[in-house]
Amino acid sequence: MSGKIHIEGQQPVRNIYSPSHAIETKREGENRALVTFGSKDDGASKDVQLFYTLSREDFGMSLLTHREPGKDGYFLLTISPKDDFDEREYSAKDIVFVVDTSGSMADEGKMDKARAALLFGVRTLRSEDRFNVISFAGEDHLMTRGLISADDAGRARGEAFIKQLRPSGGTNINEAAVAAERQFERGERPRMIVFITDGLPTVGETNTDRILDSVRKSKMPGVRLFSFGVGYDVNTSLLDKLSNENGGIAQYVEPKEDLEQKVSAFFEKVSFPVLTDVKLEMGGLDSDLVYPRDLQDIFKGSQLTIIGRYRNPVDLDPVRIRLIGKSGANERSFVYDRLRFPLGENDNDFLPKLWANRRVGWLMEQIRTNGEQKELRDEVVDLGTRYGIVTPYTSYLAVEPNMVTAQPMTINGERRNVDGLTSNTKAAAPAERAARARKAPSVTFDSASGADAVQRSKKDRERQESIGVTEDDKLASDVKRAGGKIFYLTGEVWVDSEYKAETKLPEEILTFASDEYFKLLKQKPKLAEYFSLAERVVVVFEGRVYRINAAGK
């Protein structure tokens, strides 16, 4: 299913967002936009959900909430800048390009693509920006000491240096990262390192922990490090930690992907910073587990999507939220004071799953890079069971009878899947499946490098940046989604993943298609989404258990 939606408003159109479909937005001036959408899901006929706001503010904000009575609420804030910032309002930035020129970069044309991507990055710089280029193999080579202006002469100097780069030697990640940090001065400008490598550290310091410690000691406050791992011979644990600890993200370019295109897209995105050192003051809102954990800078044409939980015991109306950041050396502040975080909100039931996706992505990244801890593992199992998220711990969700996950692992020194879950949990209640998963053998990943490691890292990052609830994971035939919930087939009954007998919630038993059944649906139409699964359903809703039995049973 695909289509187009034209949006036109009397004020600028902002914060265009769809939780149900992947969308592309083409601006047609401030007040108009063309949204094209498609769906790769099997359920291609599902309704399109599209949200947008109209705002003349420099940074438009929209808010969506969902909260079942008596439970934590969930919120999604979307912030987007206006399109017509004056040239003087853009923050001049400092950037150091760091590229691996070891011998392996000669393979598959990687050096040619990296060279083209760097040339694009230098050419996108404005004359107010400053930059440097560092190549590294056995040792680092600097274009110059410190930073130079990106005027015509500076860009020409950068292009000449990049064009003569040739692959040879080993990979000295430690020296290159430390040298990059040393190029910066203290100041108010946005500062970033773009680090491109295709290999493991093989020259100089090769111990991951000592490399990380070395970079920590040389770190210049406020510098963000964005790494690009090229191919499968990269240490994902090292690159993930380097980026995470330095305010950036790690991206990976698989052999089938185009390095030049991916890196160039990044340079295009970060060309025009409009608000840096971004912070949110949430007023009196009692919020927690908000993602992203560290807010990224806001660039022209970008959109910042923040999701978290809230648990205030009273209806908050209004809430005053303050957006703070820097535009160059000037601090700017924007107040949004008519926001409501209610005690109950039935709409937007996709928000809990969206929050859980981001939370699971973050938890799995912690497990993958720092090792498994029981509390992290248990939380991944509980979230996976409740929201239908396939992880190495929730094998019983997978579509194939014996499939656990596409992510291989090592258990007790032996490479294999987590056996004993799929067959034994096929007809088990949700709580029992989760309990068995928590007792399964510990999971350790084979290696920090290789195709599996790269794909795991990318999957964890995708979850942490997810903005929609379209799901690539294909669920088993005894697992279904309905109305934002996950149901498991237990015997002949579809059971809500939230159902736990020990909670002893008040229970109402009804017969399918009876007068009482239809009366209840009229009173609580949301239940129709759950009851439509089958004639026998158990669902937890608004603090009660509704058990629907088939006629004559």
Protein backbone atom coordinates (compact mmCIF):
# COMPACT_ATOMS: atom_id res chain seq x y z
CA MET A 1 0.00 0.00 0.00
CA SER A 2 1.33 3.45 -0.89
CA GLY A 3 -0.04 6.92 -1.41
CA LYS A 4 0.43 10.69 -1.17
CA ILE A 5 -0.96 13.27 1.23
CA HIS A 6 -0.85 17.02 0.59
CA ILE A 7 -0.79 19.23 3.68
CA GLU A 8 -1.46 22.95 3.46
CA GLY A 9 -1.88 25.32 6.39
CA GLN A 10 -2.27 29.03 7.06
CA GLN A 11 0.82 28.75 9.27
CA PRO A 12 4.09 26.83 8.70
CA VAL A 13 3.63 23.05 8.74
CA ARG A 14 5.86 21.34 11.33
CA ASN A 15 6.51 18.05 13.11
CA ILE A 16 5.14 15.75 10.42
CA TYR A 17 5.11 12.27 11.92
CA SER A 18 3.62 8.85 11.21
CA PRO A 19 3.83 5.97 13.70
CA SER A 20 2.16 3.56 11.28
CA HIS A 21 4.07 3.97 8.00
CA ALA A 22 7.46 4.98 6.71
CA ILE A 23 7.03 8.43 5.16
CA GLU A 24 9.04 10.84 3.03
CA THR A 25 8.31 14.53 3.32
CA LYS A 26 8.93 17.08 0.59
CA ARG A 27 8.59 20.71 1.62
CA GLU A 28 6.80 23.01 -0.79
CA GLY A 29 7.43 26.24 1.08
CA GLU A 30 6.84 26.84 4.77
CA ASN A 31 3.07 26.25 4.64
CA ARG A 32 2.87 23.22 2.36
CA ALA A 33 4.25 19.70 2.35
CA LEU A 34 3.85 16.56 0.28
CA VAL A 35 3.96 13.32 2.28
CA THR A 36 4.44 10.02 0.45
CA PHE A 37 4.03 6.79 2.35
CA GLY A 38 4.41 3.08 1.85
CA SER A 39 4.20 -0.07 3.93
CA LYS A 40 6.36 -3.17 3.79
CA ASP A 41 4.19 -4.95 6.35
CA ASP A 42 1.97 -7.86 5.41
CA GLY A 43 -0.93 -5.87 6.84
CA ALA A 44 -0.62 -3.34 4.05
CA SER A 45 -4.22 -2.21 4.32
CA LYS A 46 -3.92 -0.81 7.84
CA ASP A 47 -4.94 2.80 8.38
CA VAL A 48 -2.39 5.55 7.91
CA GLN A 49 -1.77 7.59 11.05
CA LEU A 50 -0.33 11.04 10.36
CA PHE A 51 0.32 13.86 12.82
CA TYR A 52 1.50 17.40 12.18
CA THR A 53 1.35 20.83 13.80
CA LEU A 54 1.09 24.41 12.56
CA SER A 55 3.49 26.84 14.20
CA ARG A 56 5.26 30.14 13.56
CA GLU A 57 7.76 29.50 16.38
CA ASP A 58 11.46 29.15 15.64
CA PHE A 59 11.18 25.62 17.05
CA GLY A 60 7.73 24.08 16.79
CA MET A 61 6.79 21.46 19.38
CA SER A 62 4.04 18.84 19.41
CA LEU A 63 3.01 16.44 22.18
CA LEU A 64 1.27 13.05 22.12
CA THR A 65 0.38 11.12 25.30
CA HIS A 66 -1.10 7.77 26.28
CA ARG A 67 -2.01 6.58 29.76
CA GLU A 68 -4.18 3.81 31.10
CA PRO A 69 -5.74 4.71 34.46
CA GLY A 70 -3.56 3.60 37.35
CA LYS A 71 -0.46 3.03 35.18
CA ASP A 72 2.53 5.03 34.03
CA GLY A 73 1.87 7.33 31.10
CA TYR A 74 3.90 7.67 27.91
CA PHE A 75 4.68 10.82 25.98
CA LEU A 76 6.23 11.73 22.65
CA LEU A 77 7.61 15.22 22.03
CA THR A 78 8.56 16.27 18.52
CA ILE A 79 10.64 19.40 17.94
CA SER A 80 11.48 20.83 14.52
CA PRO A 81 13.08 24.14 13.51
CA LYS A 82 11.70 26.61 11.03
CA ASP A 83 13.04 26.39 7.47
CA ASP A 84 13.93 30.03 6.96
CA PHE A 85 16.68 30.68 9.49
CA ASP A 86 18.81 33.64 8.53
CA GLU A 87 22.37 32.77 7.50
CA ARG A 88 23.60 34.63 10.58
CA GLU A 89 21.56 32.36 12.86
CA TYR A 90 23.47 29.22 11.91
CA SER A 91 26.19 28.23 14.35
CA ALA A 92 29.66 28.18 12.83
CA LYS A 93 31.14 24.76 13.58
CA ASP A 94 34.53 23.11 14.04
CA ILE A 95 35.00 19.67 12.53
CA VAL A 96 37.90 17.23 12.25
CA PHE A 97 37.70 14.54 9.58
CA VAL A 98 39.63 11.39 10.53
CA VAL A 99 40.07 8.67 7.91
CA ASP A 100 41.69 5.25 8.08
CA THR A 101 44.27 4.86 5.30
CA SER A 102 45.51 1.39 6.29
CA GLY A 103 46.20 -1.15 3.57
CA SER A 104 42.81 -2.84 3.89
CA MET A 105 41.10 0.36 2.69
CA ALA A 106 42.33 -0.55 -0.80
CA ASP A 107 39.88 -3.47 -0.88
CA GLU A 108 36.57 -3.11 -2.74
CA GLY A 109 37.25 0.54 -3.56
CA LYS A 110 36.77 1.65 0.05
CA MET A 111 39.48 4.29 -0.16
CA ASP A 112 37.98 5.82 -3.29
CA LYS A 113 34.55 6.02 -1.65
CA ALA A 114 35.96 7.43 1.60
CA ARG A 115 37.91 10.03 -0.38
CA ALA A 116 34.77 11.06 -2.28
CA ALA A 117 32.76 11.29 0.96
CA LEU A 118 35.42 13.47 2.61
CA LEU A 119 35.57 15.76 -0.42
CA PHE A 120 31.79 16.17 -0.17
CA GLY A 121 32.13 16.97 3.54
CA VAL A 122 34.75 19.65 2.97
CA ARG A 123 32.76 21.19 0.11
CA THR A 124 29.65 21.52 2.31
CA LEU A 125 31.52 23.66 4.85
CA ARG A 126 30.71 27.35 5.08
CA SER A 127 33.42 30.00 5.21
CA GLU A 128 32.69 30.62 8.92
CA ASP A 129 33.45 26.97 9.75
CA ARG A 130 36.87 25.61 10.66
CA PHE A 131 38.26 22.15 9.98
CA ASN A 132 41.21 19.78 9.78
CA VAL A 133 41.83 16.38 8.18
CA ILE A 134 43.77 13.52 9.78
CA SER A 135 44.73 10.29 8.03
CA PHE A 136 45.88 7.35 10.10
CA ALA A 137 47.57 4.02 9.43
CA GLY A 138 50.73 3.14 11.34
CA GLU A 139 50.85 6.75 12.54
CA ASP A 140 48.68 9.80 12.08
CA HIS A 141 49.25 12.47 9.43
CA LEU A 142 47.69 15.89 9.89
CA MET A 143 46.80 18.26 7.12
CA THR A 144 47.87 21.02 9.50
CA ARG A 145 48.19 21.75 13.21
CA GLY A 146 44.97 23.06 14.67
CA LEU A 147 41.99 24.21 12.64
CA ILE A 148 41.87 26.34 9.50
CA SER A 149 39.04 28.44 8.11
CA ALA A 150 36.85 26.78 5.51
CA ASP A 151 37.13 29.74 3.12
CA ASP A 152 37.97 29.17 -0.54
CA ALA A 153 41.69 28.77 0.20
CA GLY A 154 41.06 26.46 3.16
CA ARG A 155 38.67 24.20 1.27
CA ALA A 156 41.13 23.99 -1.63
CA ARG A 157 43.87 22.97 0.79
CA GLY A 158 41.61 20.30 2.28
CA GLU A 159 40.67 18.91 -1.12
CA ALA A 160 44.32 18.68 -2.16
CA PHE A 161 45.22 16.79 1.03
CA ILE A 162 42.32 14.34 0.63
CA LYS A 163 43.02 13.64 -3.03
CA GLN A 164 46.56 12.44 -2.26
CA LEU A 165 45.50 9.95 0.46
CA ARG A 166 46.64 6.40 -0.33
CA PRO A 167 46.04 3.15 1.61
CA SER A 168 49.05 1.50 3.27
CA GLY A 169 50.09 0.16 6.68
CA GLY A 170 48.19 -0.87 9.82
CA THR A 171 45.37 0.69 11.89
CA ASN A 172 46.28 3.00 14.80
CA ILE A 173 42.89 4.02 16.17
CA ASN A 174 44.24 5.21 19.52
CA GLU A 175 46.66 7.81 18.17
CA ALA A 176 44.19 9.05 15.57
CA ALA A 177 41.39 9.61 18.10
CA VAL A 178 43.69 11.35 20.58
CA ALA A 179 45.21 13.52 17.84
CA ALA A 180 41.71 14.55 16.71
CA GLU A 181 40.73 15.67 20.24
CA ARG A 182 43.89 17.78 20.47
CA GLN A 183 42.94 19.89 17.45
CA PHE A 184 40.13 21.66 19.28
CA GLU A 185 40.19 24.72 21.48
CA ARG A 186 37.73 25.53 24.21
CA GLY A 187 34.90 27.64 22.91
CA GLU A 188 31.21 27.98 22.13
CA ARG A 189 31.14 26.47 18.63
CA PRO A 190 29.60 23.07 17.87
CA ARG A 191 32.57 20.71 17.59
CA MET A 192 32.63 17.25 16.09
CA ILE A 193 34.92 14.48 14.96
CA VAL A 194 33.96 12.28 12.01
CA PHE A 195 35.94 9.04 12.32
CA ILE A 196 36.03 6.53 9.41
CA THR A 197 37.71 3.13 9.76
CA ASP A 198 37.42 -0.33 8.25
CA GLY A 199 39.45 -2.33 10.74
CA LEU A 200 40.48 -3.37 14.21
CA PRO A 201 43.32 -1.57 16.03
CA THR A 202 46.50 -3.34 14.90
CA VAL A 203 49.23 -0.74 15.48
CA GLY A 204 50.16 1.09 18.68
CA GLU A 205 47.69 0.56 21.52
CA THR A 206 45.36 -2.32 20.60
CA ASN A 207 43.61 -2.95 23.93
CA THR A 208 40.03 -1.63 23.74
CA ASP A 209 39.80 -0.56 27.38
CA ARG A 210 43.10 1.31 27.24
CA ILE A 211 42.11 3.06 24.00
CA LEU A 212 38.86 4.23 25.59
CA ASP A 213 40.70 5.41 28.69
CA SER A 214 43.24 7.28 26.54
CA VAL A 215 40.48 9.11 24.67
CA ARG A 216 38.71 9.95 27.95
CA LYS A 217 41.89 11.59 29.26
CA SER A 218 42.38 13.67 26.11
CA LYS A 219 38.70 14.56 25.63
CA MET A 220 37.90 18.20 24.99
CA PRO A 221 34.53 19.11 26.62
CA GLY A 222 31.71 19.52 24.14
CA VAL A 223 33.31 17.58 21.28
CA ARG A 224 31.01 14.99 19.69
CA LEU A 225 32.50 11.93 17.99
CA PHE A 226 30.64 10.23 15.14
CA SER A 227 32.20 7.00 13.88
CA PHE A 228 31.64 5.07 10.66
CA GLY A 229 32.68 1.42 10.64
CA VAL A 230 33.23 0.18 7.09
CA GLY A 231 32.81 -3.52 6.35
CA TYR A 232 32.76 -6.33 8.90
CA ASP A 233 36.35 -6.21 10.23
CA VAL A 234 35.59 -3.48 12.75
CA ASN A 235 35.39 -3.61 16.54
CA THR A 236 31.76 -2.62 17.13
CA SER A 237 32.19 -2.55 20.91
CA LEU A 238 35.03 -0.03 20.60
CA LEU A 239 33.31 2.20 18.03
CA ASP A 240 29.98 2.11 19.89
CA LYS A 241 31.63 3.12 23.16
CA LEU A 242 33.82 5.78 21.55
CA SER A 243 30.77 7.43 20.03
CA ASN A 244 28.42 6.97 22.99
CA GLU A 245 30.93 8.33 25.50
CA ASN A 246 31.59 11.34 23.31
CA GLY A 247 28.07 12.50 22.52
CA GLY A 248 27.76 10.96 19.06
CA ILE A 249 26.60 7.73 17.45
CA ALA A 250 28.29 4.90 15.56
CA GLN A 251 27.08 3.95 12.10
CA TYR A 252 28.10 0.93 10.07
CA VAL A 253 28.44 0.52 6.33
CA GLU A 254 28.09 -3.09 5.21
CA PRO A 255 29.84 -4.30 2.04
CA LYS A 256 26.54 -4.13 0.12
CA GLU A 257 26.03 -0.48 1.14
CA ASP A 258 27.52 2.66 -0.39
CA LEU A 259 30.04 4.32 1.94
CA GLU A 260 30.13 7.55 -0.06
CA GLN A 261 26.35 7.89 0.01
CA LYS A 262 26.01 7.15 3.73
CA VAL A 263 28.77 9.48 4.90
CA SER A 264 27.70 12.22 2.50
CA ALA A 265 24.14 12.03 3.85
CA PHE A 266 25.54 12.56 7.34
CA PHE A 267 27.54 15.63 6.23
CA GLU A 268 24.46 17.03 4.54
CA LYS A 269 22.45 16.61 7.75
CA VAL A 270 24.97 18.34 10.03
CA SER A 271 25.84 21.22 7.71
CA PHE A 272 23.62 23.80 9.38
CA PRO A 273 23.40 23.62 13.21
CA VAL A 274 20.61 25.84 14.52
CA LEU A 275 20.56 24.83 18.20
CA THR A 276 23.37 23.06 20.07
CA ASP A 277 23.89 21.79 23.64
CA VAL A 278 20.16 21.07 23.70
CA LYS A 279 18.39 20.56 27.04
CA LEU A 280 14.77 20.23 28.12
CA GLU A 281 13.34 21.42 31.43
CA MET A 282 10.18 19.39 32.01
CA GLY A 283 8.48 21.67 34.54
CA GLY A 284 6.82 19.65 37.31
CA LEU A 285 6.57 16.49 35.23
CA ASP A 286 7.78 13.33 36.97
CA SER A 287 9.39 11.70 33.94
CA ASP A 288 11.88 8.87 33.64
CA LEU A 289 13.63 6.63 31.09
CA VAL A 290 13.50 9.30 28.40
CA TYR A 291 15.09 8.51 25.02
CA PRO A 292 17.39 9.57 23.53
CA ARG A 293 19.35 9.65 26.77
CA ASP A 294 21.51 12.51 25.47
CA LEU A 295 19.82 15.03 23.22
CA GLN A 296 21.55 15.66 19.91
CA ASP A 297 22.08 19.08 18.36
CA ILE A 298 19.27 20.31 16.11
CA PHE A 299 20.09 21.00 12.46
CA LYS A 300 18.19 22.69 9.66
CA GLY A 301 15.65 20.28 8.17
CA SER A 302 15.94 17.83 11.07
CA GLN A 303 13.39 16.73 13.63
CA LEU A 304 14.07 15.71 17.23
CA THR A 305 11.77 12.99 18.60
CA ILE A 306 11.80 12.37 22.36
CA ILE A 307 9.84 9.63 24.09
CA GLY A 308 9.58 8.74 27.76
CA ARG A 309 7.33 7.77 30.64
CA TYR A 310 5.58 9.99 33.17
CA ARG A 311 3.95 9.08 36.49
CA ASN A 312 2.44 12.14 38.11
CA PRO A 313 -0.36 11.20 40.54
CA VAL A 314 -2.58 14.11 39.41
CA ASP A 315 -3.69 15.45 36.05
CA LEU A 316 -1.10 18.02 34.95
CA ASP A 317 -2.72 20.75 32.90
CA PRO A 318 -0.92 22.77 31.82
CA VAL A 319 2.76 21.78 31.98
CA ARG A 320 5.43 24.34 31.15
CA ILE A 321 8.34 22.86 29.16
CA ARG A 322 11.44 24.87 28.35
CA LEU A 323 13.79 24.14 25.44
CA ILE A 324 17.29 25.51 26.01
CA GLY A 325 20.26 25.57 23.67
CA LYS A 326 22.94 27.66 22.06
CA SER A 327 23.01 29.45 18.76
CA GLY A 328 26.67 30.29 18.38
CA ALA A 329 27.76 31.90 21.64
CA ASN A 330 24.22 32.97 22.52
CA GLU A 331 21.99 30.91 24.79
CA ARG A 332 18.40 30.70 23.59
CA SER A 333 15.29 29.59 25.43
CA PHE A 334 11.83 28.62 24.17
CA VAL A 335 8.83 28.07 26.44
CA TYR A 336 5.84 25.81 25.69
CA ASP A 337 3.25 26.36 28.40
CA ARG A 338 -0.02 24.81 27.21
CA LEU A 339 0.92 21.13 27.36
CA ARG A 340 -1.25 18.53 29.08
CA PHE A 341 -0.12 15.24 30.63
CA PRO A 342 -3.39 13.57 31.67
CA LEU A 343 -4.11 10.76 34.12
CA GLY A 344 -6.03 8.95 31.38
CA GLU A 345 -5.66 9.01 27.60
CA ASN A 346 -6.89 6.16 25.38
CA ASP A 347 -5.55 7.54 22.12
CA ASN A 348 -2.01 6.95 20.81
CA ASP A 349 -1.75 3.37 22.10
CA PHE A 350 1.36 2.89 19.94
CA LEU A 351 3.42 4.93 22.42
CA PRO A 352 4.15 2.16 24.99
CA LYS A 353 5.50 -0.13 22.24
CA LEU A 354 7.56 2.70 20.77
CA TRP A 355 9.04 3.48 24.19
CA ALA A 356 9.74 -0.22 24.80
CA ASN A 357 11.56 -0.50 21.45
CA ARG A 358 13.91 2.31 22.40
CA ARG A 359 14.39 0.93 25.89
CA VAL A 360 15.20 -2.59 24.61
CA GLY A 361 17.65 -1.16 22.07
CA TRP A 362 19.48 0.67 24.85
CA LEU A 363 19.46 -2.36 27.18
CA MET A 364 20.77 -4.70 24.48
CA GLU A 365 23.55 -2.25 23.65
CA GLN A 366 24.57 -2.23 27.33
CA ILE A 367 24.56 -6.04 27.45
CA ARG A 368 26.44 -6.36 24.17
CA THR A 369 29.19 -3.88 25.06
CA ASN A 370 29.48 -4.33 28.84
CA GLY A 371 28.36 -7.91 29.43
CA GLU A 372 25.16 -9.48 30.70
CA GLN A 373 23.70 -8.52 34.07
CA LYS A 374 20.65 -10.26 35.51
CA GLU A 375 18.56 -7.13 35.98
CA LEU A 376 19.16 -6.01 32.39
CA ARG A 377 18.42 -9.48 31.02
CA ASP A 378 15.19 -9.76 33.04
CA GLU A 379 13.99 -6.39 31.84
CA VAL A 380 14.67 -7.29 28.20
CA VAL A 381 12.66 -10.51 28.66
CA ASP A 382 9.74 -8.72 30.31
CA LEU A 383 9.61 -5.95 27.70
CA GLY A 384 10.04 -8.40 24.84
CA THR A 385 7.23 -10.61 26.16
CA ARG A 386 4.86 -7.73 26.80
CA TYR A 387 5.40 -5.83 23.56
CA GLY A 388 6.34 -8.57 21.08
CA ILE A 389 9.97 -7.56 20.60
CA VAL A 390 12.23 -10.35 19.31
CA THR A 391 15.58 -10.49 21.13
CA PRO A 392 18.07 -13.29 21.87
CA TYR A 393 16.09 -13.84 25.09
CA THR A 394 12.58 -13.94 23.62
CA SER A 395 12.91 -16.75 21.10
CA TYR A 396 9.30 -17.85 21.47
CA LEU A 397 8.20 -14.75 19.55
CA ALA A 398 9.95 -15.73 16.32
CA VAL A 399 7.98 -16.86 13.30
CA GLU A 400 9.89 -20.05 12.53
CA PRO A 401 9.31 -23.00 14.90
CA ASN A 402 12.96 -23.38 15.89
CA MET A 403 14.16 -19.85 15.25
CA VAL A 404 15.40 -17.80 18.19
CA THR A 405 16.87 -14.79 16.43
CA ALA A 406 19.04 -13.87 13.48
CA GLN A 407 21.74 -13.03 16.01
CA PRO A 408 24.01 -16.03 16.79
CA MET A 409 25.45 -16.33 20.28
CA THR A 410 27.74 -18.42 22.44
CA ILE A 411 26.33 -20.22 25.46
CA ASN A 412 28.68 -21.93 27.89
CA GLY A 413 31.39 -21.84 25.23
CA GLU A 414 29.24 -23.50 22.56
CA ARG A 415 27.82 -21.65 19.52
CA ARG A 416 24.11 -22.42 19.29
CA ASN A 417 20.57 -21.15 19.77
CA VAL A 418 18.70 -21.00 23.08
CA ASP A 419 17.08 -24.43 23.05
CA GLY A 420 14.23 -25.52 25.27
CA LEU A 421 12.10 -22.41 24.86
CA THR A 422 10.24 -22.69 21.58
CA SER A 423 8.66 -26.11 21.96
CA ASN A 424 8.09 -25.94 25.70
CA THR A 425 6.52 -22.50 25.63
CA LYS A 426 4.32 -22.97 22.57
CA ALA A 427 1.12 -23.22 24.59
CA ALA A 428 2.35 -21.61 27.80
CA ALA A 429 0.89 -18.45 29.32
CA PRO A 430 2.86 -15.21 28.82
CA ALA A 431 4.16 -15.10 32.41
CA GLU A 432 5.36 -18.71 32.16
CA ARG A 433 7.17 -18.06 28.90
CA ALA A 434 8.94 -15.05 30.39
CA ALA A 435 9.88 -16.99 33.53
CA ARG A 436 11.44 -19.77 31.45
CA ALA A 437 13.32 -17.25 29.33
CA ARG A 438 14.79 -15.63 32.43
CA LYS A 439 16.08 -19.05 33.56
CA ALA A 440 17.63 -19.95 30.19
CA PRO A 441 21.45 -20.03 29.86
CA SER A 442 23.24 -16.68 29.79
CA VAL A 443 23.93 -15.12 26.41
CA THR A 444 27.36 -13.87 25.36
CA PHE A 445 28.02 -12.70 21.85
CA ASP A 446 30.65 -14.39 19.73
CA SER A 447 32.79 -11.39 18.88
CA ALA A 448 32.81 -7.61 18.72
CA SER A 449 33.63 -7.85 15.01
CA GLY A 450 32.20 -9.70 12.02
CA ALA A 451 28.91 -9.55 10.13
CA ASP A 452 26.84 -10.67 13.13
CA ALA A 453 28.35 -8.01 15.39
CA VAL A 454 27.76 -5.24 12.85
CA GLN A 455 24.15 -6.29 12.29
CA ARG A 456 23.49 -6.53 16.04
CA SER A 457 24.87 -3.04 16.60
CA LYS A 458 22.79 -1.64 13.74
CA LYS A 459 19.66 -3.33 15.09
CA ASP A 460 20.21 -1.92 18.59
CA ARG A 461 20.75 1.56 17.13
CA GLU A 462 17.65 1.29 14.95
CA ARG A 463 15.57 0.43 18.01
CA GLN A 464 16.97 3.40 19.94
CA GLU A 465 16.11 5.75 17.09
CA SER A 466 12.76 4.19 16.16
CA ILE A 467 9.93 6.64 15.60
CA GLY A 468 7.26 4.24 14.33
CA VAL A 469 5.80 0.91 15.33
CA THR A 470 6.07 -0.85 11.98
CA GLU A 471 7.90 -4.04 12.89
CA ASP A 472 10.34 -6.10 10.88
CA ASP A 473 10.17 -8.97 13.39
CA LYS A 474 7.74 -11.60 12.11
CA LEU A 475 5.91 -13.14 15.03
CA ALA A 476 5.07 -16.79 15.50
CA SER A 477 1.58 -18.04 14.71
CA ASP A 478 0.72 -18.22 18.42
CA VAL A 479 1.58 -14.53 19.01
CA LYS A 480 -0.59 -11.65 17.78
CA ARG A 481 -0.73 -7.87 18.08
CA ALA A 482 -3.99 -6.03 18.69
CA GLY A 483 -4.69 -2.49 19.86
CA GLY A 484 -1.16 -1.90 21.09
CA LYS A 485 -1.07 -5.17 23.05
CA ILE A 486 0.51 -8.59 22.51
CA PHE A 487 -1.55 -11.78 22.93
CA TYR A 488 -0.34 -15.37 23.28
CA LEU A 489 -2.32 -18.46 22.33
CA THR A 490 -2.61 -20.56 25.48
CA GLY A 491 -4.51 -23.71 24.69
CA GLU A 492 -7.46 -22.30 22.76
CA VAL A 493 -7.48 -18.88 24.45
CA TRP A 494 -5.69 -15.68 23.36
CA VAL A 495 -4.19 -14.27 26.56
CA ASP A 496 -3.05 -10.67 27.06
CA SER A 497 0.71 -10.48 27.79
CA GLU A 498 -0.11 -8.28 30.81
CA TYR A 499 -2.28 -10.94 32.43
CA LYS A 500 -0.91 -12.41 35.64
CA ALA A 501 -3.18 -14.57 37.76
CA GLU A 502 -1.36 -13.64 40.96
CA THR A 503 -2.31 -9.97 40.69
CA LYS A 504 -5.93 -10.96 41.48
CA LEU A 505 -7.49 -8.10 39.54
CA PRO A 506 -11.30 -7.97 39.49
CA GLU A 507 -12.57 -10.21 36.69
CA GLU A 508 -15.60 -10.08 34.45
CA ILE A 509 -16.61 -13.21 32.49
CA LEU A 510 -18.76 -12.84 29.39
CA THR A 511 -19.99 -15.07 26.60
CA PHE A 512 -19.01 -14.21 23.07
CA ALA A 513 -21.76 -12.34 21.14
CA SER A 514 -24.10 -12.26 24.17
CA ASP A 515 -26.21 -9.21 25.05
CA GLU A 516 -23.79 -8.40 27.89
CA TYR A 517 -20.87 -8.70 25.45
CA PHE A 518 -22.31 -6.09 23.07
CA LYS A 519 -23.38 -3.86 25.94
CA LEU A 520 -19.81 -3.80 27.22
CA LEU A 521 -18.43 -2.99 23.77
CA LYS A 522 -20.82 -0.05 23.54
CA GLN A 523 -19.59 1.22 26.89
CA LYS A 524 -15.89 0.58 26.14
CA PRO A 525 -15.40 0.52 22.34
CA LYS A 526 -11.63 0.12 22.70
CA LEU A 527 -12.22 -3.49 23.80
CA ALA A 528 -13.45 -4.34 20.30
CA GLU A 529 -9.85 -4.29 19.05
CA TYR A 530 -8.96 -7.06 21.51
CA PHE A 531 -12.16 -9.09 21.31
CA SER A 532 -11.86 -9.27 17.52
CA LEU A 533 -8.98 -11.74 17.91
CA ALA A 534 -11.20 -14.75 18.59
CA GLU A 535 -14.21 -16.03 20.52
CA ARG A 536 -12.01 -16.83 23.53
CA VAL A 537 -9.90 -13.95 24.83
CA VAL A 538 -8.45 -12.77 28.15
CA VAL A 539 -7.57 -9.07 28.25
CA VAL A 540 -6.45 -6.67 30.98
CA PHE A 541 -8.04 -3.26 30.55
CA GLU A 542 -8.42 -0.32 32.92
CA GLY A 543 -7.56 -2.37 36.00
CA ARG A 544 -9.91 -5.27 35.23
CA VAL A 545 -9.64 -8.67 33.56
CA TYR A 546 -12.19 -9.41 30.86
CA ARG A 547 -12.52 -13.10 30.06
CA ILE A 548 -14.54 -13.92 26.94
CA ASN A 549 -15.72 -17.50 26.54
CA ALA A 550 -17.12 -19.07 23.39
CA ALA A 551 -20.83 -19.83 23.42
CA GLY A 552 -21.51 -23.16 25.09
CA LYS A 553 -18.10 -23.27 26.85
